[in-house]
């Protein structure tokens, strides 16, 4: 490496990936703009409480090592994220504990310069032979508990390398390890994890439901902001991010395909995705990985995720009785419902390798530090790179099949391999029908997803959300 920092794995798709950040200044509700016609329920769009967004998108520019971009490409872009992660490991309930967190965080942040395998704010790729307007489909990504906008960089880069604009939301509800936003003067502000000083199980589910409602509201505001960006209603001055990481709003104008917007999330982000689809008709497809069902309230169960195509992608050990009960109630209700006299598209897969998969196998950590996370049993003993690849191919196949218009180009597709089928358990029919033939069910679901496709679920509550 010649002294260069280590970087994340190369994306799996045919295109290079670039990224940039966008943050609207918080205005405290003092300013508003006319609402776009796609959301007639509102009288105006408030520009407050819109979370920061990281855009991953395809580019023709190959990522090259550049000293000037080293800070921008850091997987841990600020000390507060490092502090937040170690606050999960060491509960900051006393002065001594906070000092220990500070000491370890300083050491790790100083020496860990892990780099993203993508360029910084390069021009967006012009895809030949695609939509005549040059618009690209969008996937909004909602992170889980104790995460942030960089925690799922590897899987987001995989999607962007296949031709999607991926918008990662950094939620301001207090579920992130840390979250930043800009005040009305453009000054950077931080929100730390809301319940860091208490054990996870001591937080009432009612508080988590409140967080979930805020998260869903943020997703809807992100969709509003995307419409405004695509329509040219936001100028470059509206972006509170300055410097190398700033998203060029002129580049994004007219490039977002708002008729093909999906949402994907992990854990708390999975429940966010499910509830958001039930409330916002602009979201056309839903991918929920290890969805955390307990904070979802009954009215949101009844909305059935807006009846849009839905796939649940689970790991083996993220499974307990109450979670299974709530998931089954939701799936049975969807199984009994129809859209335009057709059954709803609902898929359930569990990644089940001989060695086992765990909740955190769906984020970046086990890929970056496999031995450490296996040793502390936060990752399964399966190859984390294989788990990541299986998940990416399954989700890309689902998006290609159910989000995009028929005939979209090959760059969007990701064929499910025979190797993947060996590790995916199809639980779709088993949720609503007592007897099923696993081999036949998997083969049928795989064919439905893409020219070759499949997946299933399990992990312990101690692994977190």
Foldseek 3Di string as FASTA:
>chain_A
DVPDAAEFDAADFPFAKEKFKFAFAADVQPDWDQFDPQCVVDRTFGSHQQFIKMKMAGDRDFDDDDPVCQLVFFLPNDLLLLLLLVLQVQQPQDPVSSVVSVVVSVVCVVPHSYGYRHHAQDFHDQDPPFDPLQAFEEEEEEEAAQAAQSFARRLQSNQNSLGYIYMYGGHPLQRYSKGWHAHPVLDIDMRHRDPSNDDPVVDDLQSVLVSLVSLLVNVVSVLSVLVCLQQVVDQQVSGSDDDRRHHHSVSSHSHHDQQQYAYEYEASRLVSRQLNLLPRVSHAEYEYELYHQSSDDDVSLLSLSVLHAYEYFAWAASDDDVRLVRVLSSLQNQQPDDDPPHRRHYWAKYQADPQGFARSLSTCVCSVPVVVCVVVVLTTPDNSVVVNVLVSQQVLLQSVQGRDDPPGDPSSHRAHDPVSLVRMFTCNVVSNDVDDDRVVVQQVVLVNSHVGGGGHYRHDCVSDD
